[in-house]
PDB file of N, CA and C in Angstrom:
ATOM      1  N   UNK A   1       0.852  -1.177   0.000  1.00  0.00           N
ATOM      2  CA  UNK A   1       0.000   0.000   0.000  1.00  0.00           C
ATOM      3  C   UNK A   1       0.900   1.244   0.000  1.00  0.00           C
ATOM      4  N   UNK A   2       0.591   2.185  -0.877  1.00  0.00           N
ATOM      5  CA  UNK A   2       1.381   3.413  -0.948  1.00  0.00           C
ATOM      6  C   UNK A   2       0.967   4.366   0.174  1.00  0.00           C
ATOM      7  N   UNK A   3       1.807   5.347   0.426  1.00  0.00           N
ATOM      8  CA  UNK A   3       1.478   6.353   1.441  1.00  0.00           C
ATOM      9  C   UNK A   3       0.158   7.039   1.111  1.00  0.00           C
ATOM     10  N   UNK A   4      -0.055   7.342  -0.162  1.00  0.00           N
ATOM     11  CA  UNK A   4      -1.257   8.067  -0.582  1.00  0.00           C
ATOM     12  C   UNK A   4      -2.530   7.265  -0.292  1.00  0.00           C
ATOM     13  N   UNK A   5      -2.423   5.957  -0.237  1.00  0.00           N
ATOM     14  CA  UNK A   5      -3.585   5.099   0.015  1.00  0.00           C
ATOM     15  C   UNK A   5      -3.877   4.921   1.511  1.00  0.00           C
ATOM     16  N   UNK A   6      -2.935   5.299   2.350  1.00  0.00           N
ATOM     17  CA  UNK A   6      -3.093   5.127   3.793  1.00  0.00           C
ATOM     18  C   UNK A   6      -3.869   6.291   4.398  1.00  0.00           C
ATOM     19  N   UNK A   7      -4.340   6.103   5.615  1.00  0.00           N
ATOM     20  CA  UNK A   7      -5.015   7.156   6.395  1.00  0.00           C
ATOM     21  C   UNK A   7      -4.133   7.484   7.599  1.00  0.00           C
ATOM     22  N   UNK A   8      -4.136   8.735   7.978  1.00  0.00           N
ATOM     23  CA  UNK A   8      -3.413   9.133   9.185  1.00  0.00           C
ATOM     24  C   UNK A   8      -4.086   8.518  10.401  1.00  0.00           C
ATOM     25  N   UNK A   9      -3.254   8.095  11.344  1.00  0.00           N
ATOM     26  CA  UNK A   9      -3.729   7.483  12.579  1.00  0.00           C
ATOM     27  C   UNK A   9      -3.534   8.501  13.698  1.00  0.00           C
ATOM     28  N   UNK A  10      -4.567   8.777  14.500  1.00  0.00           N
ATOM     29  CA  UNK A  10      -4.411   9.757  15.582  1.00  0.00           C
ATOM     30  C   UNK A  10      -3.220   9.425  16.475  1.00  0.00           C
ATOM     31  N   UNK A  11      -2.461  10.451  16.807  1.00  0.00           N
ATOM     32  CA  UNK A  11      -1.273  10.289  17.637  1.00  0.00           C
ATOM     33  C   UNK A  11      -1.395  11.214  18.842  1.00  0.00           C
ATOM     34  N   UNK A  12      -1.469  10.647  19.996  1.00  0.00           N
ATOM     35  CA  UNK A  12      -1.591  11.432  21.226  1.00  0.00           C
ATOM     36  C   UNK A  12      -0.282  11.492  21.993  1.00  0.00           C
ATOM     37  N   UNK A  13       0.782  11.040  21.388  1.00  0.00           N
ATOM     38  CA  UNK A  13       2.062  10.995  22.084  1.00  0.00           C
ATOM     39  C   UNK A  13       2.312   9.607  22.632  1.00  0.00           C
ATOM     40  N   UNK A  14       3.383   9.463  23.363  1.00  0.00           N
ATOM     41  CA  UNK A  14       3.708   8.172  23.945  1.00  0.00           C
ATOM     42  C   UNK A  14       4.461   7.259  22.994  1.00  0.00           C
ATOM     43  N   UNK A  15       4.658   7.679  21.754  1.00  0.00           N
ATOM     44  CA  UNK A  15       5.457   6.904  20.815  1.00  0.00           C
ATOM     45  C   UNK A  15       6.680   7.730  20.445  1.00  0.00           C
ATOM     46  N   UNK A  16       7.660   7.058  19.966  1.00  0.00           N
ATOM     47  CA  UNK A  16       8.900   7.729  19.587  1.00  0.00           C
ATOM     48  C   UNK A  16       8.785   8.263  18.160  1.00  0.00           C
ATOM     49  N   UNK A  17       9.419   9.407  17.877  1.00  0.00           N
ATOM     50  CA  UNK A  17       9.472   9.884  16.499  1.00  0.00           C
ATOM     51  C   UNK A  17      10.298   8.927  15.642  1.00  0.00           C
ATOM     52  N   UNK A  18      10.128   9.035  14.338  1.00  0.00           N
ATOM     53  CA  UNK A  18      10.907   8.204  13.425  1.00  0.00           C
ATOM     54  C   UNK A  18      12.394   8.483  13.601  1.00  0.00           C
ATOM     55  N   UNK A  19      13.175   7.455  13.435  1.00  0.00           N
ATOM     56  CA  UNK A  19      14.630   7.616  13.442  1.00  0.00           C
ATOM     57  C   UNK A  19      15.045   8.271  12.121  1.00  0.00           C
ATOM     58  N   UNK A  20      16.243   8.791  12.081  1.00  0.00           N
ATOM     59  CA  UNK A  20      16.734   9.412  10.844  1.00  0.00           C
ATOM     60  C   UNK A  20      16.718   8.402   9.690  1.00  0.00           C
ATOM     61  N   UNK A  21      17.220   7.159   9.875  1.00  0.00           N
ATOM     62  CA  UNK A  21      17.168   6.212   8.751  1.00  0.00           C
ATOM     63  C   UNK A  21      15.726   5.902   8.301  1.00  0.00           C
ATOM     64  N   UNK A  22      14.797   5.805   9.238  1.00  0.00           N
ATOM     65  CA  UNK A  22      13.404   5.528   8.871  1.00  0.00           C
ATOM     66  C   UNK A  22      12.810   6.708   8.104  1.00  0.00           C
ATOM     67  N   UNK A  23      13.110   7.931   8.541  1.00  0.00           N
ATOM     68  CA  UNK A  23      12.619   9.121   7.840  1.00  0.00           C
ATOM     69  C   UNK A  23      13.241   9.199   6.453  1.00  0.00           C
ATOM     70  N   UNK A  24      14.532   8.917   6.349  1.00  0.00           N
ATOM     71  CA  UNK A  24      15.203   8.953   5.044  1.00  0.00           C
ATOM     72  C   UNK A  24      14.594   7.938   4.086  1.00  0.00           C
ATOM     73  N   UNK A  25      14.211   6.781   4.590  1.00  0.00           N
ATOM     74  CA  UNK A  25      13.575   5.763   3.741  1.00  0.00           C
ATOM     75  C   UNK A  25      12.230   6.264   3.214  1.00  0.00           C
ATOM     76  N   UNK A  26      11.430   6.888   4.071  1.00  0.00           N
ATOM     77  CA  UNK A  26      10.125   7.409   3.640  1.00  0.00           C
ATOM     78  C   UNK A  26      10.266   8.608   2.703  1.00  0.00           C
ATOM     79  N   UNK A  27      11.375   9.329   2.796  1.00  0.00           N
ATOM     80  CA  UNK A  27      11.612  10.465   1.905  1.00  0.00           C
ATOM     81  C   UNK A  27      11.633  10.037   0.439  1.00  0.00           C
ATOM     82  N   UNK A  28      11.952   8.774   0.183  1.00  0.00           N
ATOM     83  CA  UNK A  28      11.979   8.264  -1.188  1.00  0.00           C
ATOM     84  C   UNK A  28      10.593   8.307  -1.830  1.00  0.00           C
ATOM     85  N   UNK A  29       9.557   8.363  -0.998  1.00  0.00           N
ATOM     86  CA  UNK A  29       8.180   8.339  -1.503  1.00  0.00           C
ATOM     87  C   UNK A  29       7.555   9.726  -1.623  1.00  0.00           C
ATOM     88  N   UNK A  30       8.263  10.765  -1.212  1.00  0.00           N
ATOM     89  CA  UNK A  30       7.718  12.132  -1.285  1.00  0.00           C
ATOM     90  C   UNK A  30       8.743  13.041  -1.954  1.00  0.00           C
ATOM     91  N   UNK A  31       8.778  12.966  -3.257  1.00  0.00           N
ATOM     92  CA  UNK A  31       9.724  13.751  -4.045  1.00  0.00           C
ATOM     93  C   UNK A  31       9.520  15.246  -3.861  1.00  0.00           C
ATOM     94  N   UNK A  32      10.605  15.980  -3.782  1.00  0.00           N
ATOM     95  CA  UNK A  32      10.526  17.429  -3.685  1.00  0.00           C
ATOM     96  C   UNK A  32      10.479  17.960  -2.263  1.00  0.00           C
ATOM     97  N   UNK A  33      10.328  17.095  -1.295  1.00  0.00           N
ATOM     98  CA  UNK A  33      10.298  17.502   0.109  1.00  0.00           C
ATOM     99  C   UNK A  33      11.716  17.498   0.661  1.00  0.00           C
ATOM    100  N   UNK A  34      11.947  18.294   1.695  1.00  0.00           N
ATOM    101  CA  UNK A  34      13.252  18.390   2.329  1.00  0.00           C
ATOM    102  C   UNK A  34      13.139  17.899   3.768  1.00  0.00           C
ATOM    103  N   UNK A  35      14.050  17.030   4.129  1.00  0.00           N
ATOM    104  CA  UNK A  35      14.127  16.527   5.500  1.00  0.00           C
ATOM    105  C   UNK A  35      15.040  17.440   6.299  1.00  0.00           C
ATOM    106  N   UNK A  36      14.561  17.930   7.433  1.00  0.00           N
ATOM    107  CA  UNK A  36      15.392  18.759   8.305  1.00  0.00           C
ATOM    108  C   UNK A  36      16.596  17.939   8.774  1.00  0.00           C
ATOM    109  N   UNK A  37      17.734  18.585   9.001  1.00  0.00           N
ATOM    110  CA  UNK A  37      18.935  17.864   9.428  1.00  0.00           C
ATOM    111  C   UNK A  37      18.724  16.996  10.676  1.00  0.00           C
ATOM    112  N   UNK A  38      17.861  17.448  11.589  1.00  0.00           N
ATOM    113  CA  UNK A  38      17.604  16.660  12.796  1.00  0.00           C
ATOM    114  C   UNK A  38      16.466  15.662  12.601  1.00  0.00           C
ATOM    115  N   UNK A  39      15.922  15.587  11.388  1.00  0.00           N
ATOM    116  CA  UNK A  39      14.838  14.660  11.023  1.00  0.00           C
ATOM    117  C   UNK A  39      13.582  14.863  11.875  1.00  0.00           C
ATOM    118  N   UNK A  40      13.328  16.097  12.316  1.00  0.00           N
ATOM    119  CA  UNK A  40      12.129  16.371  13.109  1.00  0.00           C
ATOM    120  C   UNK A  40      10.992  16.954  12.278  1.00  0.00           C
ATOM    121  N   UNK A  41      11.280  17.333  11.017  1.00  0.00           N
ATOM    122  CA  UNK A  41      10.221  17.849  10.155  1.00  0.00           C
ATOM    123  C   UNK A  41      10.619  17.687   8.699  1.00  0.00           C
ATOM    124  N   UNK A  42       9.599  17.739   7.832  1.00  0.00           N
ATOM    125  CA  UNK A  42       9.823  17.796   6.400  1.00  0.00           C
ATOM    126  C   UNK A  42       9.132  19.055   5.890  1.00  0.00           C
ATOM    127  N   UNK A  43       9.647  19.590   4.793  1.00  0.00           N
ATOM    128  CA  UNK A  43       9.068  20.822   4.263  1.00  0.00           C
ATOM    129  C   UNK A  43       9.157  20.840   2.743  1.00  0.00           C
ATOM    130  N   UNK A  44       8.297  21.680   2.174  1.00  0.00           N
ATOM    131  CA  UNK A  44       8.304  21.881   0.725  1.00  0.00           C
ATOM    132  C   UNK A  44       7.645  23.218   0.427  1.00  0.00           C
ATOM    133  N   UNK A  45       8.118  23.874  -0.626  1.00  0.00           N
ATOM    134  CA  UNK A  45       7.479  25.106  -1.075  1.00  0.00           C
ATOM    135  C   UNK A  45       6.922  24.876  -2.472  1.00  0.00           C
ATOM    136  N   UNK A  46       5.697  25.297  -2.670  1.00  0.00           N
ATOM    137  CA  UNK A  46       5.010  25.183  -3.950  1.00  0.00           C
ATOM    138  C   UNK A  46       4.861  26.580  -4.544  1.00  0.00           C
ATOM    139  N   UNK A  47       5.021  26.698  -5.859  1.00  0.00           N
ATOM    140  CA  UNK A  47       4.936  27.990  -6.537  1.00  0.00           C
ATOM    141  C   UNK A  47       3.695  28.069  -7.413  1.00  0.00           C
ATOM    142  N   UNK A  48       3.129  29.272  -7.490  1.00  0.00           N
ATOM    143  CA  UNK A  48       1.920  29.524  -8.265  1.00  0.00           C
ATOM    144  C   UNK A  48       2.044  30.848  -9.000  1.00  0.00           C
ATOM    145  N   UNK A  49       1.104  31.113  -9.901  1.00  0.00           N
ATOM    146  CA  UNK A  49       1.141  32.329 -10.719  1.00  0.00           C
ATOM    147  C   UNK A  49       0.794  33.582  -9.931  1.00  0.00           C
ATOM    148  N   UNK A  50       0.012  33.435  -8.853  1.00  0.00           N
ATOM    149  CA  UNK A  50      -0.442  34.615  -8.121  1.00  0.00           C
ATOM    150  C   UNK A  50      -0.903  34.223  -6.716  1.00  0.00           C
ATOM    151  N   UNK A  51      -1.342  35.203  -5.975  1.00  0.00           N
ATOM    152  CA  UNK A  51      -1.793  34.968  -4.599  1.00  0.00           C
ATOM    153  C   UNK A  51      -3.057  34.122  -4.568  1.00  0.00           C
ATOM    154  N   UNK A  52      -3.991  34.384  -5.484  1.00  0.00           N
ATOM    155  CA  UNK A  52      -5.259  33.648  -5.489  1.00  0.00           C
ATOM    156  C   UNK A  52      -5.034  32.145  -5.670  1.00  0.00           C
ATOM    157  N   UNK A  53      -4.137  31.780  -6.574  1.00  0.00           N
ATOM    158  CA  UNK A  53      -3.842  30.355  -6.781  1.00  0.00           C
ATOM    159  C   UNK A  53      -3.172  29.754  -5.551  1.00  0.00           C
ATOM    160  N   UNK A  54      -2.279  30.500  -4.938  1.00  0.00           N
ATOM    161  CA  UNK A  54      -1.605  30.013  -3.731  1.00  0.00           C
ATOM    162  C   UNK A  54      -2.619  29.799  -2.610  1.00  0.00           C
ATOM    163  N   UNK A  55      -3.517  30.747  -2.445  1.00  0.00           N
ATOM    164  CA  UNK A  55      -4.531  30.638  -1.399  1.00  0.00           C
ATOM    165  C   UNK A  55      -5.481  29.465  -1.662  1.00  0.00           C
ATOM    166  N   UNK A  56      -5.863  29.271  -2.907  1.00  0.00           N
ATOM    167  CA  UNK A  56      -6.738  28.153  -3.252  1.00  0.00           C
ATOM    168  C   UNK A  56      -6.050  26.819  -2.930  1.00  0.00           C
ATOM    169  N   UNK A  57      -4.750  26.732  -3.221  1.00  0.00           N
ATOM    170  CA  UNK A  57      -3.999  25.524  -2.917  1.00  0.00           C
ATOM    171  C   UNK A  57      -3.937  25.297  -1.404  1.00  0.00           C
ATOM    172  N   UNK A  58      -3.676  26.354  -0.655  1.00  0.00           N
ATOM    173  CA  UNK A  58      -3.641  26.241   0.806  1.00  0.00           C
ATOM    174  C   UNK A  58      -4.979  25.748   1.345  1.00  0.00           C
ATOM    175  N   UNK A  59      -6.068  26.213   0.770  1.00  0.00           N
ATOM    176  CA  UNK A  59      -7.390  25.755   1.205  1.00  0.00           C
ATOM    177  C   UNK A  59      -7.608  24.276   0.886  1.00  0.00           C
ATOM    178  N   UNK A  60      -7.082  23.816  -0.249  1.00  0.00           N
ATOM    179  CA  UNK A  60      -7.176  22.378  -0.580  1.00  0.00           C
ATOM    180  C   UNK A  60      -6.379  21.561   0.425  1.00  0.00           C
ATOM    181  N   UNK A  61      -5.217  22.061   0.799  1.00  0.00           N
ATOM    182  CA  UNK A  61      -4.416  21.372   1.824  1.00  0.00           C
ATOM    183  C   UNK A  61      -5.205  21.308   3.128  1.00  0.00           C
ATOM    184  N   UNK A  62      -5.850  22.424   3.484  1.00  0.00           N
ATOM    185  CA  UNK A  62      -6.645  22.462   4.708  1.00  0.00           C
ATOM    186  C   UNK A  62      -7.749  21.417   4.716  1.00  0.00           C
ATOM    187  N   UNK A  63      -8.397  21.219   3.589  1.00  0.00           N
ATOM    188  CA  UNK A  63      -9.469  20.226   3.507  1.00  0.00           C
ATOM    189  C   UNK A  63      -8.922  18.817   3.719  1.00  0.00           C
ATOM    190  N   UNK A  64      -7.790  18.518   3.118  1.00  0.00           N
ATOM    191  CA  UNK A  64      -7.175  17.192   3.302  1.00  0.00           C
ATOM    192  C   UNK A  64      -6.725  17.025   4.748  1.00  0.00           C
ATOM    193  N   UNK A  65      -6.140  18.065   5.306  1.00  0.00           N
ATOM    194  CA  UNK A  65      -5.666  18.000   6.692  1.00  0.00           C
ATOM    195  C   UNK A  65      -6.820  17.712   7.647  1.00  0.00           C
ATOM    196  N   UNK A  66      -7.946  18.353   7.436  1.00  0.00           N
ATOM    197  CA  UNK A  66      -9.122  18.103   8.281  1.00  0.00           C
ATOM    198  C   UNK A  66      -9.610  16.671   8.123  1.00  0.00           C
ATOM    199  N   UNK A  67      -9.644  16.195   6.888  1.00  0.00           N
ATOM    200  CA  UNK A  67     -10.089  14.828   6.615  1.00  0.00           C
ATOM    201  C   UNK A  67      -9.176  13.804   7.281  1.00  0.00           C
ATOM    202  N   UNK A  68      -7.875  14.090   7.270  1.00  0.00           N
ATOM    203  CA  UNK A  68      -6.895  13.165   7.850  1.00  0.00           C
ATOM    204  C   UNK A  68      -6.691  13.367   9.351  1.00  0.00           C
ATOM    205  N   UNK A  69      -7.137  14.495   9.885  1.00  0.00           N
ATOM    206  CA  UNK A  69      -6.920  14.775  11.305  1.00  0.00           C
ATOM    207  C   UNK A  69      -5.459  15.027  11.631  1.00  0.00           C
ATOM    208  N   UNK A  70      -4.712  15.521  10.645  1.00  0.00           N
ATOM    209  CA  UNK A  70      -3.287  15.800  10.824  1.00  0.00           C
ATOM    210  C   UNK A  70      -3.006  17.114  10.109  1.00  0.00           C
ATOM    211  N   UNK A  71      -2.453  18.086  10.812  1.00  0.00           N
ATOM    212  CA  UNK A  71      -2.420  19.455  10.303  1.00  0.00           C
ATOM    213  C   UNK A  71      -1.006  19.990  10.132  1.00  0.00           C
ATOM    214  N   UNK A  72      -0.700  20.497   8.936  1.00  0.00           N
ATOM    215  CA  UNK A  72       0.618  21.068   8.685  1.00  0.00           C
ATOM    216  C   UNK A  72       0.689  22.522   9.115  1.00  0.00           C
ATOM    217  N   UNK A  73       1.882  23.048   9.162  1.00  0.00           N
ATOM    218  CA  UNK A  73       2.088  24.483   9.313  1.00  0.00           C
ATOM    219  C   UNK A  73       2.209  25.044   7.898  1.00  0.00           C
ATOM    220  N   UNK A  74       1.375  26.026   7.577  1.00  0.00           N
ATOM    221  CA  UNK A  74       1.352  26.610   6.242  1.00  0.00           C
ATOM    222  C   UNK A  74       1.794  28.066   6.279  1.00  0.00           C
ATOM    223  N   UNK A  75       2.501  28.476   5.231  1.00  0.00           N
ATOM    224  CA  UNK A  75       2.852  29.867   5.027  1.00  0.00           C
ATOM    225  C   UNK A  75       2.367  30.231   3.627  1.00  0.00           C
ATOM    226  N   UNK A  76       1.460  31.192   3.540  1.00  0.00           N
ATOM    227  CA  UNK A  76       0.929  31.613   2.245  1.00  0.00           C
ATOM    228  C   UNK A  76       1.479  32.991   1.919  1.00  0.00           C
ATOM    229  N   UNK A  77       2.113  33.081   0.766  1.00  0.00           N
ATOM    230  CA  UNK A  77       2.672  34.351   0.277  1.00  0.00           C
ATOM    231  C   UNK A  77       2.227  34.518  -1.171  1.00  0.00           C
ATOM    232  N   UNK A  78       2.508  35.665  -1.734  1.00  0.00           N
ATOM    233  CA  UNK A  78       2.154  35.896  -3.125  1.00  0.00           C
ATOM    234  C   UNK A  78       2.869  34.855  -3.977  1.00  0.00           C
ATOM    235  N   UNK A  79       2.081  33.963  -4.600  1.00  0.00           N
ATOM    236  CA  UNK A  79       2.626  32.970  -5.515  1.00  0.00           C
ATOM    237  C   UNK A  79       3.348  31.804  -4.879  1.00  0.00           C
ATOM    238  N   UNK A  80       3.277  31.667  -3.548  1.00  0.00           N
ATOM    239  CA  UNK A  80       3.988  30.562  -2.886  1.00  0.00           C
ATOM    240  C   UNK A  80       3.206  30.048  -1.684  1.00  0.00           C
ATOM    241  N   UNK A  81       3.315  28.754  -1.471  1.00  0.00           N
ATOM    242  CA  UNK A  81       2.788  28.136  -0.260  1.00  0.00           C
ATOM    243  C   UNK A  81       3.893  27.263   0.319  1.00  0.00           C
ATOM    244  N   UNK A  82       4.281  27.570   1.546  1.00  0.00           N
ATOM    245  CA  UNK A  82       5.251  26.748   2.254  1.00  0.00           C
ATOM    246  C   UNK A  82       4.517  25.787   3.176  1.00  0.00           C
ATOM    247  N   UNK A  83       4.970  24.535   3.195  1.00  0.00           N
ATOM    248  CA  UNK A  83       4.336  23.510   4.021  1.00  0.00           C
ATOM    249  C   UNK A  83       5.404  22.860   4.896  1.00  0.00           C
ATOM    250  N   UNK A  84       5.148  22.807   6.189  1.00  0.00           N
ATOM    251  CA  UNK A  84       6.017  22.077   7.122  1.00  0.00           C
ATOM    252  C   UNK A  84       5.171  21.036   7.831  1.00  0.00           C
ATOM    253  N   UNK A  85       5.698  19.839   7.892  1.00  0.00           N
ATOM    254  CA  UNK A  85       5.007  18.741   8.557  1.00  0.00           C
ATOM    255  C   UNK A  85       5.870  18.170   9.667  1.00  0.00           C
ATOM    256  N   UNK A  86       5.237  17.964  10.804  1.00  0.00           N
ATOM    257  CA  UNK A  86       5.858  17.357  11.969  1.00  0.00           C
ATOM    258  C   UNK A  86       4.722  16.912  12.878  1.00  0.00           C
ATOM    259  N   UNK A  87       4.945  15.872  13.631  1.00  0.00           N
ATOM    260  CA  UNK A  87       3.924  15.419  14.572  1.00  0.00           C
ATOM    261  C   UNK A  87       4.261  16.019  15.929  1.00  0.00           C
ATOM    262  N   UNK A  88       3.581  17.116  16.243  1.00  0.00           N
ATOM    263  CA  UNK A  88       3.902  17.887  17.440  1.00  0.00           C
ATOM    264  C   UNK A  88       3.778  17.059  18.726  1.00  0.00           C
ATOM    265  N   UNK A  89       2.835  16.128  18.766  1.00  0.00           N
ATOM    266  CA  UNK A  89       2.600  15.336  19.983  1.00  0.00           C
ATOM    267  C   UNK A  89       3.803  14.474  20.357  1.00  0.00           C
ATOM    268  N   UNK A  90       4.655  14.149  19.370  1.00  0.00           N
ATOM    269  CA  UNK A  90       5.826  13.322  19.669  1.00  0.00           C
ATOM    270  C   UNK A  90       7.133  14.075  19.444  1.00  0.00           C
ATOM    271  N   UNK A  91       7.042  15.326  19.028  1.00  0.00           N
ATOM    272  CA  UNK A  91       8.244  16.136  18.860  1.00  0.00           C
ATOM    273  C   UNK A  91       9.119  15.732  17.693  1.00  0.00           C
ATOM    274  N   UNK A  92       8.511  15.186  16.668  1.00  0.00           N
ATOM    275  CA  UNK A  92       9.284  14.774  15.492  1.00  0.00           C
ATOM    276  C   UNK A  92       8.367  14.229  14.419  1.00  0.00           C
ATOM    277  N   UNK A  93       8.920  13.395  13.576  1.00  0.00           N
ATOM    278  CA  UNK A  93       8.163  12.855  12.451  1.00  0.00           C
ATOM    279  C   UNK A  93       7.515  11.522  12.769  1.00  0.00           C
ATOM    280  N   UNK A  94       6.331  11.341  12.201  1.00  0.00           N
ATOM    281  CA  UNK A  94       5.656  10.044  12.224  1.00  0.00           C
ATOM    282  C   UNK A  94       5.274   9.710  10.787  1.00  0.00           C
ATOM    283  N   UNK A  95       4.790   8.529  10.565  1.00  0.00           N
ATOM    284  CA  UNK A  95       4.348   8.144   9.227  1.00  0.00           C
ATOM    285  C   UNK A  95       3.241   9.087   8.742  1.00  0.00           C
ATOM    286  N   UNK A  96       2.429   9.615   9.671  1.00  0.00           N
ATOM    287  CA  UNK A  96       1.362  10.543   9.294  1.00  0.00           C
ATOM    288  C   UNK A  96       1.880  11.716   8.474  1.00  0.00           C
ATOM    289  N   UNK A  97       3.048  12.221   8.811  1.00  0.00           N
ATOM    290  CA  UNK A  97       3.613  13.358   8.090  1.00  0.00           C
ATOM    291  C   UNK A  97       3.871  13.003   6.632  1.00  0.00           C
ATOM    292  N   UNK A  98       4.334  11.814   6.393  1.00  0.00           N
ATOM    293  CA  UNK A  98       4.622  11.367   5.033  1.00  0.00           C
ATOM    294  C   UNK A  98       3.344  11.023   4.269  1.00  0.00           C
ATOM    295  N   UNK A  99       2.361  10.505   4.973  1.00  0.00           N
ATOM    296  CA  UNK A  99       1.059  10.248   4.350  1.00  0.00           C
ATOM    297  C   UNK A  99       0.469  11.570   3.863  1.00  0.00           C
ATOM    298  N   UNK A 100       0.464  12.573   4.727  1.00  0.00           N
ATOM    299  CA  UNK A 100      -0.109  13.864   4.348  1.00  0.00           C
ATOM    300  C   UNK A 100       0.714  14.514   3.236  1.00  0.00           C
ATOM    301  N   UNK A 101       2.029  14.418   3.284  1.00  0.00           N
ATOM    302  CA  UNK A 101       2.873  14.970   2.221  1.00  0.00           C
ATOM    303  C   UNK A 101       2.519  14.342   0.877  1.00  0.00           C
ATOM    304  N   UNK A 102       2.316  13.039   0.870  1.00  0.00           N
ATOM    305  CA  UNK A 102       1.969  12.341  -0.355  1.00  0.00           C
ATOM    306  C   UNK A 102       0.619  12.813  -0.896  1.00  0.00           C
ATOM    307  N   UNK A 103      -0.330  13.024  -0.002  1.00  0.00           N
ATOM    308  CA  UNK A 103      -1.652  13.483  -0.428  1.00  0.00           C
ATOM    309  C   UNK A 103      -1.605  14.930  -0.920  1.00  0.00           C
ATOM    310  N   UNK A 104      -0.752  15.740  -0.316  1.00  0.00           N
ATOM    311  CA  UNK A 104      -0.572  17.123  -0.779  1.00  0.00           C
ATOM    312  C   UNK A 104       0.053  17.109  -2.178  1.00  0.00           C
ATOM    313  N   UNK A 105       1.020  16.236  -2.389  1.00  0.00           N
ATOM    314  CA  UNK A 105       1.652  16.136  -3.710  1.00  0.00           C
ATOM    315  C   UNK A 105       0.642  15.792  -4.794  1.00  0.00           C
ATOM    316  N   UNK A 106      -0.370  15.022  -4.453  1.00  0.00           N
ATOM    317  CA  UNK A 106      -1.382  14.617  -5.434  1.00  0.00           C
ATOM    318  C   UNK A 106      -2.234  15.806  -5.901  1.00  0.00           C
ATOM    319  N   UNK A 107      -2.188  16.909  -5.161  1.00  0.00           N
ATOM    320  CA  UNK A 107      -2.984  18.092  -5.525  1.00  0.00           C
ATOM    321  C   UNK A 107      -2.379  18.851  -6.703  1.00  0.00           C
ATOM    322  N   UNK A 108      -1.069  18.701  -6.920  1.00  0.00           N
ATOM    323  CA  UNK A 108      -0.415  19.476  -7.988  1.00  0.00           C
ATOM    324  C   UNK A 108      -0.253  18.679  -9.257  1.00  0.00           C
TER     325      UNK A 108
END
C-alpha cells in the first residue's frame, strides 16, 4: 500500500518519532520535500502564478488536513505556499507526516 492510500492514525504521544534512517527511507516516496537535518520535520514550497492560486492551494491542503486529522504548518505568500510537517505530539516525524505529504503532492 502506498502512502497516498493510507489514512493518518491519531497520535496522542507516547510513541517515539521516526529515526533518521526511517525518515530517510520514507523520503523516497515524497519527491521534492526536504528533511530537516535533525529529522524532526519535512518541508516543501510550492509555486503559483499569483496569490489567489496560492490561497486556493492552501485551502485544498486544509481540507485534506481536516479529513486526515493531521495538520501542517502553512505559510501563504504571493505565488507561494510553504508547508512544514511534523507530529507535534511526539516532537518529530511520524508516518502521518509522510502520508499527508503524499496526499498534498497529489494536488499538484
